[in-house]
Amino acid sequence: MDGDSESKYVPKHGLSIDKQQAVVEGAQFVEERYGRNLDLSLAGKAKLAIRRRIAGALMVDVDLDQPPEDVTPSTNVRQVPGVSEDDVYLYPSGMSSIFNTHRIMMACRGKMRSICFGFPYIDTLKVLEKWGPGCQFYGNGSAEDLDDLERRCERGEKFLALFCEFPGNPLLQTPDLRRIRALADRFAFAVVVDETIGNFLNIHVLPHADVVVSSLTKVFSGDSNVMGGRSVATLSVQTIADRTSSILNPSSRFYNQLKSKLESEYEDNYWAGDALFMERNSRDFVSRIARINVNAEAMCSILKASSFVKEVYYPKYSSTRPFYDQYRNSTGGYGGLLSVTFRTRPEAIAFYDSLETAKGPSLGTNFTLRSVESDYFHKKHTDRNKLSVYALGPLY
């Protein structure tokens, strides 16, 4: 065997590949597919890497065998001075982080009604309605809704916190976060922003929230094989975040109360095996988001050009785009979620049945998913009349 054949081999498909690279790729394949749940002793380091990633301080791949303190933090994309992994709290699921943020808020500030602004993921609304004294639901998330909220506050009504998604689902509308922040400062209620759909690589909402929530189960993981949630406490202007995590902002008027309560009550019950999978899945988070942004915009362009399509719902094409662009990062896009309505029911059925993608009730996967919104999410919880009131009628 000559020298060249020592360093090269020719696989079945006929392409010459460097032998060393083949070994590396083979080891990576085995580790990715079969090795993530083997060594539970690395769970602590995996959780630290996840928390750093969520805080925006770790944007590169790391080897879990490398001591975490030896990893140099990346540029902080959160745009909040002082935010670190110590401000991030992990939960078993995204809804667990939202529920616990609401619970901790009530424990700190007393049991007051909350505000659900915009049409949310339905479980968020149910948490606010069923635990505590209830909530004021503004399903349209409009300027008129904020006018009504302002009048209520001026009359003396007190609220615990305003919960909103940035952007919302399924119409991908973006709330006027600057006006919300101004009202919150004036009338002393907290602002909790769910950034699951936007994600922190595209948008920077932390500086204008008291809590930011997000579901790690979705695009942060991408592989649809693990769940997770997080909470983060930061060191900047009035911000708290949660998704399978929450972020607290030390500059917030509520920071000391919330941080103290979390330090005394928070229990890390995020399973070690889930942490290992979540850490491995999220290593390519940055590159995946870039591809997802490009692909989603391309799909929107094709759909908008079709004579069969009645409307495409996407932050870039929404009337609320200016609110989104106020918080869009310089390299950020508009995310990977879109909704579409067709002019006739037969056209919608034909499109859904012929589209060669997976079907499923989720979002943020590293493969394309399609779903009929009404069947999976809101219809069994909300009657058709109410959906029409909240401008969702065309989707149902």
Protein backbone atom coordinates (compact mmCIF):
# COMPACT_ATOMS: atom_id res chain seq x y z
CA MET A 1 0.00 0.00 0.00
CA ASP A 2 1.63 3.28 -1.07
CA GLY A 3 1.78 6.51 0.96
CA ASP A 4 -1.19 8.04 -0.74
CA SER A 5 -3.39 5.05 -0.02
CA GLU A 6 -2.37 5.23 3.64
CA SER A 7 -3.96 8.66 4.01
CA LYS A 8 -6.90 8.26 1.66
CA TYR A 9 -9.69 5.79 1.16
CA VAL A 10 -12.46 5.55 -1.39
CA PRO A 11 -15.93 4.85 0.06
CA LYS A 12 -18.73 3.23 -1.92
CA HIS A 13 -19.97 6.46 -3.44
CA GLY A 14 -16.59 6.92 -5.15
CA LEU A 15 -15.41 10.19 -3.52
CA SER A 16 -11.89 10.40 -2.07
CA ILE A 17 -11.99 11.59 1.55
CA ASP A 18 -9.11 12.29 3.87
CA LYS A 19 -8.86 9.35 6.26
CA GLN A 20 -8.35 11.49 9.33
CA GLN A 21 -11.42 13.58 8.50
CA ALA A 22 -13.41 10.38 8.00
CA VAL A 23 -12.41 9.19 11.48
CA VAL A 24 -13.43 12.52 12.99
CA GLU A 25 -16.77 12.50 11.19
CA GLY A 26 -17.38 8.88 12.18
CA ALA A 27 -16.70 9.61 15.83
CA GLN A 28 -18.93 12.67 15.69
CA PHE A 29 -21.76 10.63 14.14
CA VAL A 30 -21.55 7.98 16.86
CA GLU A 31 -21.41 10.63 19.60
CA GLU A 32 -24.35 12.57 18.19
CA ARG A 33 -26.59 9.58 17.59
CA TYR A 34 -25.70 7.26 20.44
CA GLY A 35 -23.38 8.92 22.94
CA ARG A 36 -25.32 11.86 24.34
CA ASN A 37 -26.98 9.90 27.11
CA LEU A 38 -24.12 7.64 28.17
CA ASP A 39 -21.93 9.62 30.55
CA LEU A 40 -24.25 11.29 33.07
CA SER A 41 -21.24 12.62 34.99
CA LEU A 42 -21.03 15.37 32.35
CA ALA A 43 -24.56 16.64 33.06
CA GLY A 44 -23.31 19.48 35.26
CA LYS A 45 -21.02 20.77 32.53
CA ALA A 46 -23.79 20.36 29.96
CA LYS A 47 -26.14 22.50 32.05
CA LEU A 48 -23.45 25.14 32.45
CA ALA A 49 -22.91 25.23 28.68
CA ILE A 50 -26.68 25.53 28.10
CA ARG A 51 -26.98 28.38 30.60
CA ARG A 52 -24.06 30.23 29.02
CA ARG A 53 -25.59 29.75 25.59
CA ILE A 54 -28.92 31.15 26.76
CA ALA A 55 -27.22 34.10 28.47
CA GLY A 56 -25.64 34.85 25.10
CA ALA A 57 -22.09 34.40 26.33
CA LEU A 58 -21.29 31.10 24.59
CA MET A 59 -21.89 31.08 20.83
CA VAL A 60 -19.31 28.45 19.83
CA ASP A 61 -19.04 24.68 20.22
CA VAL A 62 -17.34 23.36 23.34
CA ASP A 63 -15.95 20.00 24.41
CA LEU A 64 -17.59 18.97 27.69
CA ASP A 65 -14.30 17.38 28.75
CA GLN A 66 -12.79 20.89 28.74
CA PRO A 67 -13.17 22.71 32.10
CA PRO A 68 -15.92 25.32 31.68
CA GLU A 69 -13.77 28.00 33.27
CA ASP A 70 -11.26 27.55 30.43
CA VAL A 71 -13.81 28.54 27.78
CA THR A 72 -13.54 32.19 26.77
CA PRO A 73 -17.01 33.82 26.64
CA SER A 74 -18.15 35.08 23.25
CA THR A 75 -19.54 38.54 22.57
CA ASN A 76 -22.77 38.97 24.51
CA VAL A 77 -25.66 39.06 22.04
CA ARG A 78 -28.19 39.80 24.77
CA GLN A 79 -27.15 43.49 24.78
CA VAL A 80 -27.54 43.56 28.56
CA PRO A 81 -24.39 44.42 30.56
CA GLY A 82 -23.51 41.89 33.23
CA VAL A 83 -25.82 39.07 32.21
CA SER A 84 -24.24 35.68 32.89
CA GLU A 85 -25.07 32.02 33.38
CA ASP A 86 -25.76 32.76 37.06
CA ASP A 87 -28.89 34.57 35.94
CA VAL A 88 -30.25 31.56 34.03
CA TYR A 89 -32.57 28.96 35.60
CA LEU A 90 -33.37 25.71 33.79
CA TYR A 91 -36.73 23.93 33.96
CA PRO A 92 -38.00 20.58 32.60
CA SER A 93 -40.21 22.32 30.02
CA GLY A 94 -41.12 25.71 28.62
CA MET A 95 -44.53 25.77 30.30
CA SER A 96 -42.86 24.89 33.60
CA SER A 97 -40.73 28.02 33.28
CA ILE A 98 -43.78 30.17 32.48
CA PHE A 99 -45.78 28.65 35.34
CA ASN A 100 -42.94 29.14 37.81
CA THR A 101 -42.29 32.71 36.69
CA HIS A 102 -45.97 33.47 37.33
CA ARG A 103 -45.84 31.66 40.69
CA ILE A 104 -42.69 33.47 41.83
CA MET A 105 -44.20 36.79 40.77
CA MET A 106 -47.25 36.18 42.96
CA ALA A 107 -45.08 35.04 45.86
CA CYS A 108 -43.08 38.28 45.66
CA ARG A 109 -45.75 40.84 44.86
CA GLY A 110 -48.98 39.33 46.12
CA LYS A 111 -51.89 37.81 44.23
CA MET A 112 -52.97 40.29 41.58
CA ARG A 113 -54.50 39.76 38.15
CA SER A 114 -52.13 39.46 35.22
CA ILE A 115 -52.49 40.67 31.64
CA CYS A 116 -52.33 38.35 28.63
CA PHE A 117 -51.54 40.61 25.68
CA GLY A 118 -52.08 39.20 22.20
CA PHE A 119 -53.35 35.73 21.30
CA PRO A 120 -50.86 33.38 23.01
CA TYR A 121 -49.99 29.72 23.08
CA ILE A 122 -53.17 28.56 24.79
CA ASP A 123 -51.49 26.97 27.84
CA THR A 124 -50.01 30.34 28.82
CA LEU A 125 -53.50 31.83 28.95
CA LYS A 126 -54.78 28.88 30.99
CA VAL A 127 -51.95 29.24 33.53
CA LEU A 128 -52.80 32.91 34.05
CA GLU A 129 -56.55 32.20 34.26
CA LYS A 130 -56.50 29.18 36.57
CA TRP A 131 -53.67 29.91 39.02
CA GLY A 132 -54.19 33.10 40.98
CA PRO A 133 -56.97 35.68 40.70
CA GLY A 134 -57.20 35.49 36.89
CA CYS A 135 -56.14 37.72 34.03
CA GLN A 136 -57.23 40.49 31.70
CA PHE A 137 -57.11 39.00 28.19
CA TYR A 138 -56.36 41.31 25.26
CA GLY A 139 -56.51 38.83 22.37
CA ASN A 140 -55.94 41.35 19.58
CA GLY A 141 -52.80 42.88 21.12
CA SER A 142 -53.69 46.19 19.49
CA ALA A 143 -53.12 49.87 20.22
CA GLU A 144 -56.78 50.07 21.29
CA ASP A 145 -56.10 47.30 23.82
CA LEU A 146 -53.22 49.32 25.26
CA ASP A 147 -55.51 52.37 25.42
CA ASP A 148 -58.00 50.32 27.45
CA LEU A 149 -55.23 49.01 29.72
CA GLU A 150 -54.01 52.56 30.33
CA ARG A 151 -57.53 53.69 31.28
CA ARG A 152 -57.92 50.77 33.68
CA CYS A 153 -54.62 51.58 35.37
CA GLU A 154 -55.52 55.26 35.63
CA ARG A 155 -58.73 54.24 37.40
CA GLY A 156 -56.66 52.41 39.99
CA GLU A 157 -56.64 48.78 38.81
CA LYS A 158 -53.46 46.96 39.83
CA PHE A 159 -51.83 44.21 37.80
CA LEU A 160 -49.12 41.67 38.57
CA ALA A 161 -47.50 41.39 35.15
CA LEU A 162 -48.15 41.58 31.43
CA PHE A 163 -47.36 38.40 29.47
CA CYS A 164 -46.85 38.57 25.70
CA GLU A 165 -45.19 36.67 22.85
CA PHE A 166 -42.67 38.34 20.52
CA PRO A 167 -43.93 37.75 17.89
CA GLY A 168 -47.25 36.00 18.48
CA ASN A 169 -48.59 32.75 17.07
CA PRO A 170 -50.32 32.09 14.66
CA LEU A 171 -50.62 35.56 13.08
CA LEU A 172 -46.98 36.50 13.79
CA GLN A 173 -47.96 39.97 15.02
CA THR A 174 -45.53 41.86 17.22
CA PRO A 175 -46.60 43.82 20.31
CA ASP A 176 -45.63 47.46 20.85
CA LEU A 177 -43.07 46.62 23.50
CA ARG A 178 -41.85 50.18 23.98
CA ARG A 179 -45.31 51.43 24.89
CA ILE A 180 -45.85 48.37 27.10
CA ARG A 181 -42.59 49.12 28.89
CA ALA A 182 -43.62 52.73 29.42
CA LEU A 183 -46.98 51.68 30.91
CA ALA A 184 -45.28 49.09 33.11
CA ASP A 185 -42.87 51.68 34.49
CA ARG A 186 -45.69 54.15 35.08
CA PHE A 187 -48.10 51.74 36.76
CA ALA A 188 -45.65 49.31 38.43
CA PHE A 189 -46.39 45.98 36.78
CA ALA A 190 -43.83 43.54 35.37
CA VAL A 191 -43.33 42.63 31.71
CA VAL A 192 -42.80 38.97 30.77
CA VAL A 193 -41.87 38.33 27.12
CA ASP A 194 -41.91 34.90 25.50
CA GLU A 195 -39.16 34.98 22.86
CA THR A 196 -39.61 31.39 21.68
CA ILE A 197 -40.65 32.29 18.13
CA GLY A 198 -38.33 35.27 17.67
CA ASN A 199 -35.33 33.82 19.61
CA PHE A 200 -32.46 35.91 20.93
CA LEU A 201 -30.29 35.60 17.82
CA ASN A 202 -32.92 37.50 15.85
CA ILE A 203 -34.25 39.90 18.48
CA HIS A 204 -33.05 41.55 21.69
CA VAL A 205 -36.08 42.01 23.96
CA LEU A 206 -34.31 41.46 27.26
CA PRO A 207 -33.46 45.15 27.81
CA HIS A 208 -37.18 46.04 27.80
CA ALA A 209 -38.62 43.12 29.77
CA ASP A 210 -38.64 42.12 33.40
CA VAL A 211 -38.78 38.46 32.49
CA VAL A 212 -38.08 36.81 29.13
CA VAL A 213 -39.42 33.27 28.68
CA SER A 214 -38.69 30.78 25.94
CA SER A 215 -39.18 27.09 25.11
CA LEU A 216 -35.88 25.27 24.66
CA THR A 217 -37.87 22.35 23.30
CA LYS A 218 -38.34 24.27 20.05
CA VAL A 219 -35.65 25.88 17.91
CA PHE A 220 -32.95 25.89 20.62
CA SER A 221 -32.95 22.09 20.49
CA GLY A 222 -34.26 21.51 16.98
CA ASP A 223 -34.12 17.71 17.08
CA SER A 224 -37.56 17.07 18.64
CA ASN A 225 -36.14 14.49 21.02
CA VAL A 226 -35.84 16.40 24.30
CA MET A 227 -37.73 19.00 26.33
CA GLY A 228 -36.44 21.86 28.43
CA GLY A 229 -37.06 25.29 29.89
CA ARG A 230 -34.95 28.09 31.34
CA SER A 231 -35.04 31.22 33.43
CA VAL A 232 -32.40 33.95 33.44
CA ALA A 233 -31.65 36.81 35.81
CA THR A 234 -29.69 39.66 34.18
CA LEU A 235 -27.93 42.86 35.19
CA SER A 236 -29.58 45.51 33.06
CA VAL A 237 -32.68 47.52 32.35
CA GLN A 238 -35.78 45.94 33.85
CA THR A 239 -35.63 42.47 32.31
CA ILE A 240 -36.64 38.93 33.20
CA ALA A 241 -36.70 36.09 30.70
CA ASP A 242 -38.12 32.56 30.60
CA ARG A 243 -38.62 29.88 28.08
CA THR A 244 -37.55 26.62 29.41
CA SER A 245 -35.69 29.38 31.12
CA SER A 246 -36.19 32.78 32.68
CA ILE A 247 -33.89 35.81 32.77
CA LEU A 248 -34.02 38.34 35.61
CA ASN A 249 -32.71 41.88 35.22
CA PRO A 250 -30.97 43.39 38.24
CA SER A 251 -31.92 46.86 37.05
CA SER A 252 -35.58 45.96 37.30
CA ARG A 253 -37.51 47.36 40.24
CA PHE A 254 -38.55 43.75 40.97
CA TYR A 255 -35.12 42.16 40.59
CA ASN A 256 -34.12 41.87 44.26
CA GLN A 257 -37.46 40.35 45.24
CA LEU A 258 -37.50 37.87 42.39
CA LYS A 259 -33.84 36.91 42.71
CA SER A 260 -34.17 36.34 46.46
CA LYS A 261 -37.25 34.20 46.05
CA LEU A 262 -35.69 32.14 43.25
CA GLU A 263 -32.52 31.58 45.24
CA SER A 264 -34.54 30.19 48.15
CA GLU A 265 -37.13 28.19 46.18
CA TYR A 266 -35.56 27.16 42.88
CA GLU A 267 -34.80 23.45 42.59
CA ASP A 268 -32.77 22.12 39.68
CA ASN A 269 -34.83 19.11 38.65
CA TYR A 270 -33.81 19.17 34.99
CA TRP A 271 -32.95 15.54 34.29
CA ALA A 272 -29.29 14.81 33.54
CA GLY A 273 -30.05 12.86 30.38
CA ASP A 274 -32.20 15.67 29.00
CA ALA A 275 -29.43 18.17 29.74
CA LEU A 276 -26.89 16.13 27.76
CA PHE A 277 -29.19 15.88 24.74
CA MET A 278 -30.18 19.56 24.93
CA GLU A 279 -26.56 20.71 25.09
CA ARG A 280 -25.54 18.58 22.12
CA ASN A 281 -28.56 19.59 20.05
CA SER A 282 -27.99 23.30 20.64
CA ARG A 283 -24.34 23.40 19.57
CA ASP A 284 -25.29 24.38 16.00
CA PHE A 285 -27.99 26.80 17.16
CA VAL A 286 -26.33 29.82 15.52
CA SER A 287 -25.88 28.29 12.07
CA ARG A 288 -29.33 26.66 12.15
CA ILE A 289 -31.07 29.98 12.86
CA ALA A 290 -29.31 31.59 9.90
CA ARG A 291 -30.50 28.82 7.55
CA ILE A 292 -34.03 28.85 8.98
CA ASN A 293 -34.35 32.61 8.48
CA VAL A 294 -33.30 32.36 4.83
CA ASN A 295 -35.50 29.35 4.07
CA ALA A 296 -38.61 30.83 5.72
CA GLU A 297 -38.29 34.11 3.82
CA ALA A 298 -37.85 32.22 0.56
CA MET A 299 -40.97 30.18 1.25
CA CYS A 300 -42.94 33.33 2.05
CA SER A 301 -41.87 34.89 -1.25
CA ILE A 302 -43.11 31.87 -3.19
CA LEU A 303 -46.43 31.77 -1.34
CA LYS A 304 -47.06 35.49 -1.67
CA ALA A 305 -46.60 35.24 -5.44
CA SER A 306 -49.24 32.52 -5.75
CA SER A 307 -52.74 33.42 -6.98
CA PHE A 308 -54.17 30.69 -4.71
CA VAL A 309 -52.89 32.32 -1.51
CA LYS A 310 -55.11 34.78 0.31
CA GLU A 311 -52.67 35.90 3.01
CA VAL A 312 -49.20 35.07 4.34
CA TYR A 313 -48.62 35.82 8.02
CA TYR A 314 -44.95 36.50 8.80
CA PRO A 315 -43.27 39.28 10.84
CA LYS A 316 -41.62 40.75 7.74
CA TYR A 317 -44.97 41.26 6.01
CA SER A 318 -47.05 42.21 9.06
CA SER A 319 -48.43 45.69 9.74
CA THR A 320 -46.61 45.36 13.09
CA ARG A 321 -43.21 44.94 11.41
CA PRO A 322 -41.96 48.32 12.76
CA PHE A 323 -42.37 46.97 16.32
CA TYR A 324 -40.35 43.89 15.38
CA ASP A 325 -37.63 45.86 13.60
CA GLN A 326 -37.11 48.03 16.69
CA TYR A 327 -35.70 44.94 18.41
CA ARG A 328 -34.22 43.04 15.48
CA ASN A 329 -30.49 42.38 15.76
CA SER A 330 -28.22 43.69 13.01
CA THR A 331 -27.71 40.15 11.71
CA GLY A 332 -31.13 38.88 12.75
CA GLY A 333 -33.98 37.70 10.57
CA TYR A 334 -37.70 37.10 11.01
CA GLY A 335 -37.70 33.53 12.24
CA GLY A 336 -38.90 30.20 10.92
CA LEU A 337 -42.64 30.25 11.64
CA LEU A 338 -45.26 31.38 9.13
CA SER A 339 -48.99 30.91 8.59
CA VAL A 340 -50.85 30.93 5.30
CA THR A 341 -54.52 31.05 4.26
CA PHE A 342 -55.91 30.11 0.86
CA ARG A 343 -58.77 31.58 -1.11
CA THR A 344 -60.80 28.37 -1.08
CA ARG A 345 -61.03 25.35 1.16
CA PRO A 346 -60.23 22.84 -1.64
CA GLU A 347 -57.03 24.75 -2.44
CA ALA A 348 -55.98 24.65 1.20
CA ILE A 349 -56.66 20.91 1.40
CA ALA A 350 -54.76 20.22 -1.84
CA PHE A 351 -51.75 22.21 -0.64
CA TYR A 352 -51.68 20.51 2.77
CA ASP A 353 -52.05 17.00 1.37
CA SER A 354 -49.45 17.39 -1.39
CA LEU A 355 -46.75 19.18 0.62
CA GLU A 356 -43.98 16.64 1.21
CA THR A 357 -43.00 17.58 4.74
CA ALA A 358 -43.61 16.07 8.16
CA LYS A 359 -46.87 16.79 9.97
CA GLY A 360 -46.88 17.65 13.65
CA PRO A 361 -48.00 20.08 16.37
CA SER A 362 -44.74 21.88 17.08
CA LEU A 363 -42.30 24.42 15.66
CA GLY A 364 -38.58 25.14 15.58
CA THR A 365 -37.49 21.70 14.35
CA ASN A 366 -34.46 21.24 12.13
CA PHE A 367 -36.84 19.85 9.50
CA THR A 368 -39.97 21.47 8.09
CA LEU A 369 -43.26 20.80 9.90
CA ARG A 370 -46.77 21.63 8.74
CA SER A 371 -49.94 21.59 10.82
CA VAL A 372 -53.57 22.68 10.66
CA GLU A 373 -53.59 25.30 13.39
CA SER A 374 -57.20 24.86 14.47
CA ASP A 375 -57.04 21.10 14.85
CA TYR A 376 -53.95 21.05 17.04
CA PHE A 377 -54.10 24.09 19.24
CA HIS A 378 -56.88 26.57 19.88
CA LYS A 379 -60.15 25.15 18.57
CA LYS A 380 -60.98 22.82 21.46
CA HIS A 381 -60.26 25.59 23.98
CA THR A 382 -61.79 28.60 22.23
CA ASP A 383 -65.10 28.89 20.38
CA ARG A 384 -65.27 30.14 16.79
CA ASN A 385 -66.98 33.41 17.75
CA LYS A 386 -64.11 34.34 20.03
CA LEU A 387 -61.55 33.40 17.38
CA SER A 388 -63.27 35.78 14.95
CA VAL A 389 -63.20 38.56 17.54
CA TYR A 390 -59.43 38.14 17.84
CA ALA A 391 -58.93 38.28 14.06
CA LEU A 392 -58.12 34.57 13.90
CA GLY A 393 -61.28 33.59 12.04
CA PRO A 394 -59.54 33.26 8.63
CA LEU A 395 -57.31 30.51 10.02
CA TYR A 396 -60.24 28.47 11.24
